[in-house]
Amino acid sequence: MSHVLPEALISTEWLADHLSAPDVRVVDATWFPPTAGRNPRDDYDAAHIPGAVFFDIDEISDTNVSLPHMLPEAAKFASKVRRLGLGNGHKVVIYDRNNFMASARVWWMFRHFGHRDVVVLDGGFAKWQAEGRATEDLPPMRRDRHFLPHVNTALVRSFDQVKAALDNDKIQIVDARSAERFSGKGDEPWPVKHKGHMPGALNVPFGELITAQGTMKSPADLKARFEAAGLDFSKQVITSCGSGVTACVLALGLYLTGKEDVSVYDGSWSEWGNHDEAVAVQD
C-alpha cells in the first residue's frame, strides 16, 4: 500500500536510478545522541552514498542558545545549505544510519524553511548498503547553489505555544521518547530538573513506526499505532521528544498517513524539563 503523501519518502531503487540526475542532491544527516559516544562525521568519511554531502544538525543550528540543535535563523540555514551545494530547484534526498532519527529532522527543517521538494530515503544507509549499492569515502566537489528561504511558522512550536496548547482540547501532544522516559522512570540524555511528561500527552516511541527491516511502516499500520495511543486524527498535533529530533520521525509518520497539520516542539524535553513554568507528571 502506498503512503497517502508518498512524496516524502523514496526507495533505494528510485535513488539508484536517479543518482546522477542533475537536479538530485543527496544528504547524509546521521546524528547520534550524546549517550552513543559516536561521531557521525567519522561514519560519513568512511563511507557514504556517492555524491552525498554531510549535514550536521548541531552545526546548522542556533548556536547562541544553550538548548541543543535548535532551529537556526533563516539566513544561517540558507547560507549553510548553499555552501553544501543545496538550493532552489533541487530534489533533496536525505538519509541517515539510525532509523530516521535525524533524516526526518532535516526533512522537517527544509520544509520549515520553505523547500518542498525534499524526501527521506526509506531504509536509509543500512538498506542501501545491504543491497550492495555503491558507496564512496571522498566528499563530493560542490558548488554554491542559491537557496531562498520562506519560513513556514506552522511547522514549529515554542514553549509558550505548547504550554497554551495543554488547555486546548483541539490540540494533542504526542511524545516520541521511550515509555521509560515518558513515565519518568528512565534517564534523560540531557540534564533536566524534572522527568516525566506533559499533562495529557500521548506516547508513541518513534521506533515503533519502523519495521524490523528499517523501513517506515505502511500508512494503515502507522495510523493504527497512533490511534492505539489515543490520537484523534481530527485534531491538530504537536510532536515532542528529548531535543526535537525524533519528534520529527512522528511528524514524518503522521505526514505519510495524510496528516499535515502537525508541528514540532523544537525545545522538547531538554527545554521543558528545565523550565520553571513547566508542569511534568509521572506515572
C-alpha atoms as a PDB file:
ATOM      1  CA  MET A   1       0.000   0.000   0.000  1.00  0.00           C
ATOM      2  CA  SER A   2       1.428   3.376  -0.968  1.00  0.00           C
ATOM      3  CA  HIS A   3       1.609   6.205   1.519  1.00  0.00           C
ATOM      4  CA  VAL A   4      -1.052   8.890   1.306  1.00  0.00           C
ATOM      5  CA  LEU A   5       1.538  11.615   0.779  1.00  0.00           C
ATOM      6  CA  PRO A   6       4.217   9.498  -0.923  1.00  0.00           C
ATOM      7  CA  GLU A   7       6.422  12.404  -1.982  1.00  0.00           C
ATOM      8  CA  ALA A   8       8.003  12.422   1.497  1.00  0.00           C
ATOM      9  CA  LEU A   9       9.637   9.009   1.105  1.00  0.00           C
ATOM     10  CA  ILE A  10      11.615   7.393  -1.715  1.00  0.00           C
ATOM     11  CA  SER A  11      13.032   3.910  -2.194  1.00  0.00           C
ATOM     12  CA  THR A  12      16.659   2.884  -2.597  1.00  0.00           C
ATOM     13  CA  GLU A  13      15.710   1.666  -6.085  1.00  0.00           C
ATOM     14  CA  TRP A  14      14.468   5.124  -7.059  1.00  0.00           C
ATOM     15  CA  LEU A  15      17.606   6.794  -5.737  1.00  0.00           C
ATOM     16  CA  ALA A  16      19.901   4.343  -7.521  1.00  0.00           C
ATOM     17  CA  ASP A  17      18.075   5.084 -10.774  1.00  0.00           C
ATOM     18  CA  HIS A  18      18.236   8.873 -10.290  1.00  0.00           C
ATOM     19  CA  LEU A  19      21.574   9.320  -8.506  1.00  0.00           C
ATOM     20  CA  SER A  20      23.170  11.076 -11.453  1.00  0.00           C
ATOM     21  CA  ALA A  21      20.168  13.259 -12.312  1.00  0.00           C
ATOM     22  CA  PRO A  22      21.240  16.925 -12.429  1.00  0.00           C
ATOM     23  CA  ASP A  23      18.531  18.114 -10.041  1.00  0.00           C
ATOM     24  CA  VAL A  24      19.008  15.401  -7.349  1.00  0.00           C
ATOM     25  CA  ARG A  25      21.148  16.127  -4.283  1.00  0.00           C
ATOM     26  CA  VAL A  26      21.836  13.566  -1.554  1.00  0.00           C
ATOM     27  CA  VAL A  27      22.380  14.443   2.111  1.00  0.00           C
ATOM     28  CA  ASP A  28      23.801  12.284   4.921  1.00  0.00           C
ATOM     29  CA  ALA A  29      22.090  13.631   8.043  1.00  0.00           C
ATOM     30  CA  THR A  30      23.301  10.997  10.509  1.00  0.00           C
ATOM     31  CA  TRP A  31      23.323  12.131  14.134  1.00  0.00           C
ATOM     32  CA  PHE A  32      23.863  10.180  17.331  1.00  0.00           C
ATOM     33  CA  PRO A  33      22.585  11.110  20.797  1.00  0.00           C
ATOM     34  CA  PRO A  34      25.296  12.116  23.277  1.00  0.00           C
ATOM     35  CA  THR A  35      24.991   8.783  25.095  1.00  0.00           C
ATOM     36  CA  ALA A  36      26.067   6.890  21.941  1.00  0.00           C
ATOM     37  CA  GLY A  37      29.660   8.115  22.060  1.00  0.00           C
ATOM     38  CA  ARG A  38      29.904   8.110  18.253  1.00  0.00           C
ATOM     39  CA  ASN A  39      30.890  10.795  15.784  1.00  0.00           C
ATOM     40  CA  PRO A  40      28.628  10.666  12.706  1.00  0.00           C
ATOM     41  CA  ARG A  41      31.194  12.557  10.643  1.00  0.00           C
ATOM     42  CA  ASP A  42      33.597   9.616  11.043  1.00  0.00           C
ATOM     43  CA  ASP A  43      30.988   7.268   9.610  1.00  0.00           C
ATOM     44  CA  TYR A  44      30.365   9.637   6.704  1.00  0.00           C
ATOM     45  CA  ASP A  45      34.079   9.917   5.984  1.00  0.00           C
ATOM     46  CA  ALA A  46      34.400   6.111   5.956  1.00  0.00           C
ATOM     47  CA  ALA A  47      31.529   5.517   3.520  1.00  0.00           C
ATOM     48  CA  HIS A  48      28.534   7.362   2.138  1.00  0.00           C
ATOM     49  CA  ILE A  49      26.204   7.278  -0.834  1.00  0.00           C
ATOM     50  CA  PRO A  50      28.018   8.719  -3.884  1.00  0.00           C
ATOM     51  CA  GLY A  51      27.633  12.478  -4.089  1.00  0.00           C
ATOM     52  CA  ALA A  52      26.190  12.839  -0.591  1.00  0.00           C
ATOM     53  CA  VAL A  53      27.129  15.878   1.495  1.00  0.00           C
ATOM     54  CA  PHE A  54      27.210  15.759   5.299  1.00  0.00           C
ATOM     55  CA  PHE A  55      24.577  17.810   7.155  1.00  0.00           C
ATOM     56  CA  ASP A  56      25.476  18.410  10.813  1.00  0.00           C
ATOM     57  CA  ILE A  57      22.348  19.278  12.826  1.00  0.00           C
ATOM     58  CA  ASP A  58      24.487  20.508  15.720  1.00  0.00           C
ATOM     59  CA  GLU A  59      26.356  22.940  13.462  1.00  0.00           C
ATOM     60  CA  ILE A  60      23.405  24.061  11.319  1.00  0.00           C
ATOM     61  CA  SER A  61      21.525  25.295  14.369  1.00  0.00           C
ATOM     62  CA  ASP A  62      21.099  28.279  16.668  1.00  0.00           C
ATOM     63  CA  THR A  63      24.440  28.126  18.471  1.00  0.00           C
ATOM     64  CA  ASN A  64      23.595  31.187  20.597  1.00  0.00           C
ATOM     65  CA  VAL A  65      21.257  29.279  22.907  1.00  0.00           C
ATOM     66  CA  SER A  66      22.030  26.607  25.479  1.00  0.00           C
ATOM     67  CA  LEU A  67      19.487  24.142  24.090  1.00  0.00           C
ATOM     68  CA  PRO A  68      20.841  21.532  21.648  1.00  0.00           C
ATOM     69  CA  HIS A  69      20.439  21.892  17.847  1.00  0.00           C
ATOM     70  CA  MET A  70      17.573  24.390  17.874  1.00  0.00           C
ATOM     71  CA  LEU A  71      16.413  25.780  14.531  1.00  0.00           C
ATOM     72  CA  PRO A  72      18.780  28.446  13.189  1.00  0.00           C
ATOM     73  CA  GLU A  73      17.713  31.767  11.733  1.00  0.00           C
ATOM     74  CA  ALA A  74      16.622  31.532   8.098  1.00  0.00           C
ATOM     75  CA  ALA A  75      19.704  33.424   6.879  1.00  0.00           C
ATOM     76  CA  LYS A  76      22.055  30.988   8.614  1.00  0.00           C
ATOM     77  CA  PHE A  77      20.228  27.944   7.267  1.00  0.00           C
ATOM     78  CA  ALA A  78      20.277  29.375   3.751  1.00  0.00           C
ATOM     79  CA  SER A  79      23.983  30.187   3.992  1.00  0.00           C
ATOM     80  CA  LYS A  80      24.912  26.729   5.293  1.00  0.00           C
ATOM     81  CA  VAL A  81      22.899  24.728   2.771  1.00  0.00           C
ATOM     82  CA  ARG A  82      24.058  26.991  -0.065  1.00  0.00           C
ATOM     83  CA  ARG A  83      27.632  26.075   0.805  1.00  0.00           C
ATOM     84  CA  LEU A  84      26.655  22.403   0.749  1.00  0.00           C
ATOM     85  CA  GLY A  85      25.511  22.921  -2.838  1.00  0.00           C
ATOM     86  CA  LEU A  86      21.827  22.579  -1.955  1.00  0.00           C
ATOM     87  CA  GLY A  87      19.373  25.074  -3.347  1.00  0.00           C
ATOM     88  CA  ASN A  88      16.182  26.006  -5.104  1.00  0.00           C
ATOM     89  CA  GLY A  89      15.315  23.630  -7.934  1.00  0.00           C
ATOM     90  CA  HIS A  90      16.970  20.644  -6.271  1.00  0.00           C
ATOM     91  CA  LYS A  91      15.260  17.471  -5.163  1.00  0.00           C
ATOM     92  CA  VAL A  92      16.932  16.925  -1.781  1.00  0.00           C
ATOM     93  CA  VAL A  93      17.167  13.282  -0.694  1.00  0.00           C
ATOM     94  CA  ILE A  94      18.060  12.759   2.974  1.00  0.00           C
ATOM     95  CA  TYR A  95      19.223   9.599   4.689  1.00  0.00           C
ATOM     96  CA  ASP A  96      20.803   8.550   7.968  1.00  0.00           C
ATOM     97  CA  ARG A  97      22.199   5.418   9.620  1.00  0.00           C
ATOM     98  CA  ASN A  98      19.844   5.013  12.555  1.00  0.00           C
ATOM     99  CA  ASN A  99      16.155   4.603  11.797  1.00  0.00           C
ATOM    100  CA  PHE A 100      15.159   8.039  10.504  1.00  0.00           C
ATOM    101  CA  MET A 101      16.470   9.631  13.705  1.00  0.00           C
ATOM    102  CA  ALA A 102      17.893  12.725  12.030  1.00  0.00           C
ATOM    103  CA  SER A 103      16.854  12.351   8.381  1.00  0.00           C
ATOM    104  CA  ALA A 104      13.292  13.159   9.477  1.00  0.00           C
ATOM    105  CA  ARG A 105      14.602  16.186  11.401  1.00  0.00           C
ATOM    106  CA  VAL A 106      16.416  17.555   8.342  1.00  0.00           C
ATOM    107  CA  TRP A 107      13.361  16.806   6.153  1.00  0.00           C
ATOM    108  CA  TRP A 108      11.319  18.915   8.588  1.00  0.00           C
ATOM    109  CA  MET A 109      13.954  21.678   8.650  1.00  0.00           C
ATOM    110  CA  PHE A 110      13.941  22.027   4.866  1.00  0.00           C
ATOM    111  CA  ARG A 111      10.144  22.198   4.863  1.00  0.00           C
ATOM    112  CA  HIS A 112      10.202  24.778   7.676  1.00  0.00           C
ATOM    113  CA  PHE A 113      12.433  26.955   5.502  1.00  0.00           C
ATOM    114  CA  GLY A 114      10.117  26.579   2.513  1.00  0.00           C
ATOM    115  CA  HIS A 115      11.797  23.853   0.445  1.00  0.00           C
ATOM    116  CA  ARG A 116       9.035  21.464  -0.573  1.00  0.00           C
ATOM    117  CA  ASP A 117      10.968  19.090  -2.835  1.00  0.00           C
ATOM    118  CA  VAL A 118      12.616  17.144  -0.032  1.00  0.00           C
ATOM    119  CA  VAL A 119      12.349  13.403   0.619  1.00  0.00           C
ATOM    120  CA  VAL A 120      13.687  10.807   3.040  1.00  0.00           C
ATOM    121  CA  LEU A 121      15.366   7.607   1.859  1.00  0.00           C
ATOM    122  CA  ASP A 122      13.289   4.703   3.153  1.00  0.00           C
ATOM    123  CA  GLY A 123      15.563   2.264   4.980  1.00  0.00           C
ATOM    124  CA  GLY A 124      18.451   4.718   4.992  1.00  0.00           C
ATOM    125  CA  PHE A 125      22.096   3.854   4.572  1.00  0.00           C
ATOM    126  CA  ALA A 126      21.669   0.389   6.102  1.00  0.00           C
ATOM    127  CA  LYS A 127      19.270  -0.716   3.345  1.00  0.00           C
ATOM    128  CA  TRP A 128      21.423   0.898   0.653  1.00  0.00           C
ATOM    129  CA  GLN A 129      24.494  -0.950   1.919  1.00  0.00           C
ATOM    130  CA  ALA A 130      22.670  -4.257   2.457  1.00  0.00           C
ATOM    131  CA  GLU A 131      21.638  -4.196  -1.193  1.00  0.00           C
ATOM    132  CA  GLY A 132      25.283  -3.924  -2.241  1.00  0.00           C
ATOM    133  CA  ARG A 133      24.894  -0.480  -3.757  1.00  0.00           C
ATOM    134  CA  ALA A 134      27.830   1.836  -4.421  1.00  0.00           C
ATOM    135  CA  THR A 135      29.448   3.939  -1.710  1.00  0.00           C
ATOM    136  CA  GLU A 136      32.423   6.305  -1.639  1.00  0.00           C
ATOM    137  CA  ASP A 137      34.692   7.769   1.007  1.00  0.00           C
ATOM    138  CA  LEU A 138      35.549  11.145  -0.538  1.00  0.00           C
ATOM    139  CA  PRO A 139      33.327  14.209  -0.183  1.00  0.00           C
ATOM    140  CA  PRO A 140      31.865  15.478  -3.477  1.00  0.00           C
ATOM    141  CA  MET A 141      33.025  18.600  -5.252  1.00  0.00           C
ATOM    142  CA  ARG A 142      30.276  21.095  -4.629  1.00  0.00           C
ATOM    143  CA  ARG A 143      29.280  24.455  -5.990  1.00  0.00           C
ATOM    144  CA  ASP A 144      27.316  27.046  -4.071  1.00  0.00           C
ATOM    145  CA  ARG A 145      23.664  26.969  -5.029  1.00  0.00           C
ATOM    146  CA  HIS A 146      21.137  29.759  -4.410  1.00  0.00           C
ATOM    147  CA  PHE A 147      18.684  28.940  -1.609  1.00  0.00           C
ATOM    148  CA  LEU A 148      15.897  31.408  -0.859  1.00  0.00           C
ATOM    149  CA  PRO A 149      14.144  30.557   2.424  1.00  0.00           C
ATOM    150  CA  HIS A 150      10.419  31.058   3.008  1.00  0.00           C
ATOM    151  CA  VAL A 151       9.766  30.289   6.666  1.00  0.00           C
ATOM    152  CA  ASN A 152       6.697  28.175   7.449  1.00  0.00           C
ATOM    153  CA  THR A 153       5.980  29.023  11.085  1.00  0.00           C
ATOM    154  CA  ALA A 154       3.125  26.495  11.248  1.00  0.00           C
ATOM    155  CA  LEU A 155       5.612  23.613  11.489  1.00  0.00           C
ATOM    156  CA  VAL A 156       7.291  24.654  14.750  1.00  0.00           C
ATOM    157  CA  ARG A 157       6.088  25.440  18.268  1.00  0.00           C
ATOM    158  CA  SER A 158       7.712  27.294  21.175  1.00  0.00           C
ATOM    159  CA  PHE A 159       7.482  26.638  24.919  1.00  0.00           C
ATOM    160  CA  ASP A 160       4.718  29.225  25.369  1.00  0.00           C
ATOM    161  CA  GLN A 161       2.706  27.790  22.481  1.00  0.00           C
ATOM    162  CA  VAL A 162       2.986  24.260  23.855  1.00  0.00           C
ATOM    163  CA  LYS A 163       2.062  25.443  27.361  1.00  0.00           C
ATOM    164  CA  ALA A 164      -1.048  27.132  25.939  1.00  0.00           C
ATOM    165  CA  ALA A 165      -1.887  24.004  23.926  1.00  0.00           C
ATOM    166  CA  LEU A 166      -2.218  21.962  27.127  1.00  0.00           C
ATOM    167  CA  ASP A 167      -5.504  23.777  27.778  1.00  0.00           C
ATOM    168  CA  ASN A 168      -6.765  23.498  24.193  1.00  0.00           C
ATOM    169  CA  ASP A 169      -8.864  20.410  23.548  1.00  0.00           C
ATOM    170  CA  LYS A 170      -8.390  20.812  19.784  1.00  0.00           C
ATOM    171  CA  ILE A 171      -4.651  20.075  20.074  1.00  0.00           C
ATOM    172  CA  GLN A 172      -2.930  16.854  21.114  1.00  0.00           C
ATOM    173  CA  ILE A 173       0.703  16.426  22.112  1.00  0.00           C
ATOM    174  CA  VAL A 174       2.491  13.217  21.146  1.00  0.00           C
ATOM    175  CA  ASP A 175       5.842  12.334  22.726  1.00  0.00           C
ATOM    176  CA  ALA A 176       8.385  10.235  20.790  1.00  0.00           C
ATOM    177  CA  ARG A 177      10.537   9.206  23.777  1.00  0.00           C
ATOM    178  CA  SER A 178      10.684   5.697  25.206  1.00  0.00           C
ATOM    179  CA  ALA A 179       7.961   4.575  27.607  1.00  0.00           C
ATOM    180  CA  GLU A 180      10.524   4.631  30.440  1.00  0.00           C
ATOM    181  CA  ARG A 181      11.488   8.245  29.839  1.00  0.00           C
ATOM    182  CA  PHE A 182       7.866   9.261  29.236  1.00  0.00           C
ATOM    183  CA  SER A 183       6.809   7.789  32.580  1.00  0.00           C
ATOM    184  CA  GLY A 184       9.702   9.478  34.404  1.00  0.00           C
ATOM    185  CA  LYS A 185      11.455   6.211  35.279  1.00  0.00           C
ATOM    186  CA  GLY A 186      14.206   6.417  32.656  1.00  0.00           C
ATOM    187  CA  ASP A 187      17.169   8.783  32.497  1.00  0.00           C
ATOM    188  CA  GLU A 188      17.242  11.702  30.073  1.00  0.00           C
ATOM    189  CA  PRO A 189      20.344  12.214  27.861  1.00  0.00           C
ATOM    190  CA  TRP A 190      20.171  15.953  28.601  1.00  0.00           C
ATOM    191  CA  PRO A 191      20.434  17.416  32.128  1.00  0.00           C
ATOM    192  CA  VAL A 192      16.911  18.155  33.396  1.00  0.00           C
ATOM    193  CA  LYS A 193      15.316  19.318  36.644  1.00  0.00           C
ATOM    194  CA  HIS A 194      12.218  17.189  36.266  1.00  0.00           C
ATOM    195  CA  LYS A 195      11.312  13.976  34.479  1.00  0.00           C
ATOM    196  CA  GLY A 196       8.087  12.578  33.112  1.00  0.00           C
ATOM    197  CA  HIS A 197       5.773  14.086  30.512  1.00  0.00           C
ATOM    198  CA  MET A 198       3.381  16.942  29.851  1.00  0.00           C
ATOM    199  CA  PRO A 199      -0.127  16.589  31.285  1.00  0.00           C
ATOM    200  CA  GLY A 200      -2.359  14.848  28.754  1.00  0.00           C
ATOM    201  CA  ALA A 201       0.461  13.971  26.350  1.00  0.00           C
ATOM    202  CA  LEU A 202       0.324  10.700  24.426  1.00  0.00           C
ATOM    203  CA  ASN A 203       3.304   8.390  23.990  1.00  0.00           C
ATOM    204  CA  VAL A 204       4.368   6.846  20.675  1.00  0.00           C
ATOM    205  CA  PRO A 205       8.054   5.834  20.870  1.00  0.00           C
ATOM    206  CA  PHE A 206       9.469   6.724  17.460  1.00  0.00           C
ATOM    207  CA  GLY A 207      10.989   3.275  16.863  1.00  0.00           C
ATOM    208  CA  GLU A 208       7.511   1.757  16.830  1.00  0.00           C
ATOM    209  CA  LEU A 209       6.826   3.422  13.467  1.00  0.00           C
ATOM    210  CA  ILE A 210       9.657   1.490  11.829  1.00  0.00           C
ATOM    211  CA  THR A 211       9.672  -2.108  10.563  1.00  0.00           C
ATOM    212  CA  ALA A 212      12.243  -4.708  11.601  1.00  0.00           C
ATOM    213  CA  GLN A 213      13.874  -4.087   8.206  1.00  0.00           C
ATOM    214  CA  GLY A 214      14.362  -0.399   8.991  1.00  0.00           C
ATOM    215  CA  THR A 215      11.722   0.957   6.624  1.00  0.00           C
ATOM    216  CA  MET A 216       8.711   3.055   7.543  1.00  0.00           C
ATOM    217  CA  LYS A 217       5.550   1.071   8.298  1.00  0.00           C
ATOM    218  CA  SER A 218       2.534   1.229   5.982  1.00  0.00           C
ATOM    219  CA  PRO A 219       0.099   4.129   6.437  1.00  0.00           C
ATOM    220  CA  ALA A 220      -2.521   1.757   7.859  1.00  0.00           C
ATOM    221  CA  ASP A 221      -0.056   0.457  10.456  1.00  0.00           C
ATOM    222  CA  LEU A 222       1.154   3.974  11.245  1.00  0.00           C
ATOM    223  CA  LYS A 223      -2.378   5.216  11.763  1.00  0.00           C
ATOM    224  CA  ALA A 224      -3.249   2.198  13.907  1.00  0.00           C
ATOM    225  CA  ARG A 225      -0.253   2.816  16.176  1.00  0.00           C
ATOM    226  CA  PHE A 226      -1.166   6.467  16.728  1.00  0.00           C
ATOM    227  CA  GLU A 227      -4.810   5.602  17.331  1.00  0.00           C
ATOM    228  CA  ALA A 228      -3.782   2.919  19.823  1.00  0.00           C
ATOM    229  CA  ALA A 229      -2.031   5.677  21.781  1.00  0.00           C
ATOM    230  CA  GLY A 230      -5.268   7.682  21.820  1.00  0.00           C
ATOM    231  CA  LEU A 231      -4.656  10.098  18.952  1.00  0.00           C
ATOM    232  CA  ASP A 232      -7.704  11.729  17.405  1.00  0.00           C
ATOM    233  CA  PHE A 233      -6.793  12.433  13.777  1.00  0.00           C
ATOM    234  CA  SER A 234      -9.313  15.283  13.575  1.00  0.00           C
ATOM    235  CA  LYS A 235      -7.222  17.362  15.998  1.00  0.00           C
ATOM    236  CA  GLN A 236      -4.029  19.319  15.470  1.00  0.00           C
ATOM    237  CA  VAL A 237      -0.871  17.613  16.690  1.00  0.00           C
ATOM    238  CA  ILE A 238       2.321  18.851  18.324  1.00  0.00           C
ATOM    239  CA  THR A 239       5.117  16.294  18.498  1.00  0.00           C
ATOM    240  CA  SER A 240       7.812  16.356  21.164  1.00  0.00           C
ATOM    241  CA  CYS A 241      10.767  14.212  22.273  1.00  0.00           C
ATOM    242  CA  GLY A 242      14.076  14.751  24.091  1.00  0.00           C
ATOM    243  CA  SER A 243      15.597  17.509  21.994  1.00  0.00           C
ATOM    244  CA  GLY A 244      13.422  17.957  18.909  1.00  0.00           C
ATOM    245  CA  VAL A 245      14.985  15.236  16.748  1.00  0.00           C
ATOM    246  CA  THR A 246      12.854  12.084  16.994  1.00  0.00           C
ATOM    247  CA  ALA A 247       9.722  14.243  17.308  1.00  0.00           C
ATOM    248  CA  CYS A 248      10.269  14.764  13.576  1.00  0.00           C
ATOM    249  CA  VAL A 249      10.027  10.993  12.985  1.00  0.00           C
ATOM    250  CA  LEU A 250       6.493  11.190  14.390  1.00  0.00           C
ATOM    251  CA  ALA A 251       5.802  14.211  12.168  1.00  0.00           C
ATOM    252  CA  LEU A 252       7.026  12.241   9.145  1.00  0.00           C
ATOM    253  CA  GLY A 253       4.960   9.198  10.102  1.00  0.00           C
ATOM    254  CA  LEU A 254       1.844  11.317  10.504  1.00  0.00           C
ATOM    255  CA  TYR A 255       2.530  13.068   7.197  1.00  0.00           C
ATOM    256  CA  LEU A 256       2.706   9.694   5.450  1.00  0.00           C
ATOM    257  CA  THR A 257      -0.824   8.931   6.691  1.00  0.00           C
ATOM    258  CA  GLY A 258      -2.011  12.180   5.090  1.00  0.00           C
ATOM    259  CA  LYS A 259      -1.963  14.335   8.213  1.00  0.00           C
ATOM    260  CA  GLU A 260      -0.243  17.645   7.555  1.00  0.00           C
ATOM    261  CA  ASP A 261      -1.406  19.844  10.479  1.00  0.00           C
ATOM    262  CA  VAL A 262       1.486  18.694  12.647  1.00  0.00           C
ATOM    263  CA  SER A 263       4.060  20.933  14.303  1.00  0.00           C
ATOM    264  CA  VAL A 264       7.210  20.067  16.238  1.00  0.00           C
ATOM    265  CA  TYR A 265       8.107  21.419  19.675  1.00  0.00           C
ATOM    266  CA  ASP A 266      11.696  22.361  18.925  1.00  0.00           C
ATOM    267  CA  GLY A 267      12.895  22.674  22.526  1.00  0.00           C
ATOM    268  CA  SER A 268      11.186  19.431  23.584  1.00  0.00           C
ATOM    269  CA  TRP A 269      12.137  17.888  26.945  1.00  0.00           C
ATOM    270  CA  SER A 270      15.599  19.480  27.026  1.00  0.00           C
ATOM    271  CA  GLU A 271      13.696  22.777  27.436  1.00  0.00           C
ATOM    272  CA  TRP A 272      10.501  21.618  29.149  1.00  0.00           C
ATOM    273  CA  GLY A 273      12.378  19.521  31.690  1.00  0.00           C
ATOM    274  CA  ASN A 274      14.299  22.594  32.885  1.00  0.00           C
ATOM    275  CA  HIS A 275      11.682  25.340  32.598  1.00  0.00           C
ATOM    276  CA  ASP A 276      10.395  26.855  35.838  1.00  0.00           C
ATOM    277  CA  GLU A 277       6.892  27.244  34.385  1.00  0.00           C
ATOM    278  CA  ALA A 278       6.685  23.688  33.042  1.00  0.00           C
ATOM    279  CA  VAL A 279       4.467  21.043  34.572  1.00  0.00           C
ATOM    280  CA  ALA A 280       5.692  17.441  34.473  1.00  0.00           C
ATOM    281  CA  VAL A 281       3.691  14.388  35.507  1.00  0.00           C
ATOM    282  CA  GLN A 282       4.926  10.893  36.196  1.00  0.00           C
ATOM    283  CA  ASP A 283       3.133   7.543  36.175  1.00  0.00           C
END
